[in-house]
Amino acid sequence: MRLDKWLWAARFYKTRTQAQAAIDGGHVKLNGERAKPAKEIRPGDRLELAIGGLGWSVEVRALSERRGPASAAQRLYEESEASRAARAARIETNNLMREPEAARRGRPAKKDRRQLNRLRGW
């Protein structure tokens, strides 16, 4: 089965196009090596995924040509305990310490500009 199709069926990505883009971008490794979207996978293969700043390390358990409900998709893979713990720690860190850039949205509004001018002493 194609790697991009399996990632879509396992619900790691909403579309096959997103799965292909992630694979081409180097965010998906198959058995420790970069792969192409059409690479054939089999049960027992190890996948390392980077999705939204979070890492996943999963082992392929089953193959499915169809995208089913989330409960069925979770049976297609088994995530390692270390991967779960690392992801939970990363989420906790992100919740405690937000990046300053994450709070900014576009250009400063008039109110923001006035606050900046007061801060600068203008």
C-alpha atoms as a PDB file:
ATOM      1  CA  MET A   1       0.000   0.000   0.000  1.00  0.00           C
ATOM      2  CA  ARG A   2       1.203   3.545  -0.740  1.00  0.00           C
ATOM      3  CA  LEU A   3       2.589   5.496   2.217  1.00  0.00           C
ATOM      4  CA  ASP A   4       0.555   8.652   1.515  1.00  0.00           C
ATOM      5  CA  LYS A   5      -2.662   6.657   1.220  1.00  0.00           C
ATOM      6  CA  TRP A   6      -1.998   4.870   4.527  1.00  0.00           C
ATOM      7  CA  LEU A   7      -1.286   8.176   6.340  1.00  0.00           C
ATOM      8  CA  TRP A   8      -4.594   9.498   5.014  1.00  0.00           C
ATOM      9  CA  ALA A   9      -6.493   6.324   5.995  1.00  0.00           C
ATOM     10  CA  ALA A  10      -4.904   6.359   9.473  1.00  0.00           C
ATOM     11  CA  ARG A  11      -6.129   9.968   9.876  1.00  0.00           C
ATOM     12  CA  PHE A  12      -2.748  11.602  10.387  1.00  0.00           C
ATOM     13  CA  TYR A  13      -3.615  14.009   7.548  1.00  0.00           C
ATOM     14  CA  LYS A  14      -6.986  15.213   6.278  1.00  0.00           C
ATOM     15  CA  THR A  15      -6.127  14.782   2.610  1.00  0.00           C
ATOM     16  CA  ARG A  16      -3.730  12.692   0.569  1.00  0.00           C
ATOM     17  CA  THR A  17      -2.310  15.917  -0.837  1.00  0.00           C
ATOM     18  CA  GLN A  18      -1.330  17.039   2.677  1.00  0.00           C
ATOM     19  CA  ALA A  19       0.222  13.631   3.319  1.00  0.00           C
ATOM     20  CA  GLN A  20       2.217  13.865   0.071  1.00  0.00           C
ATOM     21  CA  ALA A  21       3.420  17.382   0.953  1.00  0.00           C
ATOM     22  CA  ALA A  22       4.557  16.229   4.409  1.00  0.00           C
ATOM     23  CA  ILE A  23       6.441  13.272   2.936  1.00  0.00           C
ATOM     24  CA  ASP A  24       8.084  15.442   0.267  1.00  0.00           C
ATOM     25  CA  GLY A  25       8.996  17.989   2.959  1.00  0.00           C
ATOM     26  CA  GLY A  26      10.877  15.375   4.972  1.00  0.00           C
ATOM     27  CA  HIS A  27       8.408  15.276   7.880  1.00  0.00           C
ATOM     28  CA  VAL A  28       7.815  11.538   7.495  1.00  0.00           C
ATOM     29  CA  LYS A  29      10.492   8.855   7.821  1.00  0.00           C
ATOM     30  CA  LEU A  30       9.926   5.200   7.029  1.00  0.00           C
ATOM     31  CA  ASN A  31      12.217   2.835   8.957  1.00  0.00           C
ATOM     32  CA  GLY A  32      14.554   5.754   9.736  1.00  0.00           C
ATOM     33  CA  GLU A  33      14.921   6.945   6.138  1.00  0.00           C
ATOM     34  CA  ARG A  34      13.183   9.556   4.008  1.00  0.00           C
ATOM     35  CA  ALA A  35      10.576   8.078   1.746  1.00  0.00           C
ATOM     36  CA  LYS A  36       8.523   9.035  -1.278  1.00  0.00           C
ATOM     37  CA  PRO A  37       4.699   9.186  -1.254  1.00  0.00           C
ATOM     38  CA  ALA A  38       4.395   6.069  -3.443  1.00  0.00           C
ATOM     39  CA  LYS A  39       6.685   3.951  -1.221  1.00  0.00           C
ATOM     40  CA  GLU A  40       5.075   0.623  -0.366  1.00  0.00           C
ATOM     41  CA  ILE A  41       4.569  -0.020   3.347  1.00  0.00           C
ATOM     42  CA  ARG A  42       3.838  -3.256   5.166  1.00  0.00           C
ATOM     43  CA  PRO A  43       2.758  -4.191   8.678  1.00  0.00           C
ATOM     44  CA  GLY A  44       5.738  -3.994  11.004  1.00  0.00           C
ATOM     45  CA  ASP A  45       7.267  -0.886   9.387  1.00  0.00           C
ATOM     46  CA  ARG A  46       8.234   1.997  11.700  1.00  0.00           C
ATOM     47  CA  LEU A  47       7.144   5.556  10.900  1.00  0.00           C
ATOM     48  CA  GLU A  48       8.395   8.787  12.433  1.00  0.00           C
ATOM     49  CA  LEU A  49       6.100  11.761  11.832  1.00  0.00           C
ATOM     50  CA  ALA A  50       6.430  15.452  12.626  1.00  0.00           C
ATOM     51  CA  ILE A  51       2.999  17.077  12.670  1.00  0.00           C
ATOM     52  CA  GLY A  52       2.508  20.611  13.931  1.00  0.00           C
ATOM     53  CA  GLY A  53       5.681  20.607  16.007  1.00  0.00           C
ATOM     54  CA  LEU A  54       4.806  17.293  17.651  1.00  0.00           C
ATOM     55  CA  GLY A  55       6.582  14.014  16.994  1.00  0.00           C
ATOM     56  CA  TRP A  56       4.961  10.630  16.531  1.00  0.00           C
ATOM     57  CA  SER A  57       6.724   7.281  16.451  1.00  0.00           C
ATOM     58  CA  VAL A  58       4.360   4.532  15.305  1.00  0.00           C
ATOM     59  CA  GLU A  59       4.512   0.970  14.059  1.00  0.00           C
ATOM     60  CA  VAL A  60       2.219  -0.049  11.210  1.00  0.00           C
ATOM     61  CA  ARG A  61      -0.116  -2.817  12.424  1.00  0.00           C
ATOM     62  CA  ALA A  62      -2.586  -3.107   9.542  1.00  0.00           C
ATOM     63  CA  LEU A  63      -3.358  -1.672   6.125  1.00  0.00           C
ATOM     64  CA  SER A  64      -6.602  -0.090   4.964  1.00  0.00           C
ATOM     65  CA  GLU A  65      -7.572   1.203   1.543  1.00  0.00           C
ATOM     66  CA  ARG A  66     -10.478   3.167   3.012  1.00  0.00           C
ATOM     67  CA  ARG A  67     -10.612   6.063   5.447  1.00  0.00           C
ATOM     68  CA  GLY A  68     -12.917   4.995   8.249  1.00  0.00           C
ATOM     69  CA  PRO A  69     -13.856   6.339  11.667  1.00  0.00           C
ATOM     70  CA  ALA A  70     -11.161   7.386  14.128  1.00  0.00           C
ATOM     71  CA  SER A  71     -11.622   4.247  16.210  1.00  0.00           C
ATOM     72  CA  ALA A  72     -10.871   2.069  13.159  1.00  0.00           C
ATOM     73  CA  ALA A  73      -7.943   4.294  12.158  1.00  0.00           C
ATOM     74  CA  GLN A  74      -6.299   3.870  15.576  1.00  0.00           C
ATOM     75  CA  ARG A  75      -6.195   0.110  15.027  1.00  0.00           C
ATOM     76  CA  LEU A  76      -3.967   0.600  11.980  1.00  0.00           C
ATOM     77  CA  TYR A  77      -0.955   1.618  14.104  1.00  0.00           C
ATOM     78  CA  GLU A  78       0.571   1.309  17.544  1.00  0.00           C
ATOM     79  CA  GLU A  79       2.342   4.282  19.050  1.00  0.00           C
ATOM     80  CA  SER A  80       5.358   3.711  21.289  1.00  0.00           C
ATOM     81  CA  GLU A  81       5.112   4.692  24.945  1.00  0.00           C
ATOM     82  CA  ALA A  82       8.173   6.951  24.625  1.00  0.00           C
ATOM     83  CA  SER A  83       6.480   8.805  21.770  1.00  0.00           C
ATOM     84  CA  ARG A  84       3.327   9.375  23.835  1.00  0.00           C
ATOM     85  CA  ALA A  85       5.336  10.665  26.795  1.00  0.00           C
ATOM     86  CA  ALA A  86       7.457  12.985  24.634  1.00  0.00           C
ATOM     87  CA  ARG A  87       4.374  14.386  22.894  1.00  0.00           C
ATOM     88  CA  ALA A  88       2.582  14.961  26.217  1.00  0.00           C
ATOM     89  CA  ALA A  89       5.662  16.742  27.595  1.00  0.00           C
ATOM     90  CA  ARG A  90       5.872  18.938  24.483  1.00  0.00           C
ATOM     91  CA  ILE A  91       2.178  19.859  24.743  1.00  0.00           C
ATOM     92  CA  GLU A  92       2.613  20.704  28.430  1.00  0.00           C
ATOM     93  CA  THR A  93       5.641  22.884  27.652  1.00  0.00           C
ATOM     94  CA  ASN A  94       3.737  24.667  24.891  1.00  0.00           C
ATOM     95  CA  ASN A  95       0.834  25.342  27.249  1.00  0.00           C
ATOM     96  CA  LEU A  96       3.099  26.760  29.955  1.00  0.00           C
ATOM     97  CA  MET A  97       5.390  28.870  27.768  1.00  0.00           C
ATOM     98  CA  ARG A  98       3.751  30.326  24.687  1.00  0.00           C
ATOM     99  CA  GLU A  99       5.947  31.718  21.966  1.00  0.00           C
ATOM    100  CA  PRO A 100       5.643  35.524  21.740  1.00  0.00           C
ATOM    101  CA  GLU A 101       5.187  35.298  17.976  1.00  0.00           C
ATOM    102  CA  ALA A 102       2.129  33.076  18.425  1.00  0.00           C
ATOM    103  CA  ALA A 103       0.179  35.917  20.071  1.00  0.00           C
ATOM    104  CA  ARG A 104       0.818  38.375  17.216  1.00  0.00           C
ATOM    105  CA  ARG A 105      -1.650  38.560  14.408  1.00  0.00           C
ATOM    106  CA  GLY A 106      -0.820  40.754  11.442  1.00  0.00           C
ATOM    107  CA  ARG A 107      -0.109  44.452  11.683  1.00  0.00           C
ATOM    108  CA  PRO A 108      -0.558  46.369  14.927  1.00  0.00           C
ATOM    109  CA  ALA A 109      -3.936  48.024  15.338  1.00  0.00           C
ATOM    110  CA  LYS A 110      -4.289  51.711  16.181  1.00  0.00           C
ATOM    111  CA  LYS A 111      -4.539  50.908  19.891  1.00  0.00           C
ATOM    112  CA  ASP A 112      -1.392  48.747  19.704  1.00  0.00           C
ATOM    113  CA  ARG A 113       0.478  51.530  17.906  1.00  0.00           C
ATOM    114  CA  ARG A 114      -0.470  54.027  20.590  1.00  0.00           C
ATOM    115  CA  GLN A 115       0.739  51.667  23.316  1.00  0.00           C
ATOM    116  CA  LEU A 116       4.033  51.196  21.491  1.00  0.00           C
ATOM    117  CA  ASN A 117       4.461  54.968  21.143  1.00  0.00           C
ATOM    118  CA  ARG A 118       3.828  55.438  24.881  1.00  0.00           C
ATOM    119  CA  LEU A 119       6.358  52.705  25.666  1.00  0.00           C
ATOM    120  CA  ARG A 120       8.951  54.381  23.451  1.00  0.00           C
ATOM    121  CA  GLY A 121       8.277  57.770  25.032  1.00  0.00           C
ATOM    122  CA  TRP A 122       6.980  59.444  21.858  1.00  0.00           C
END
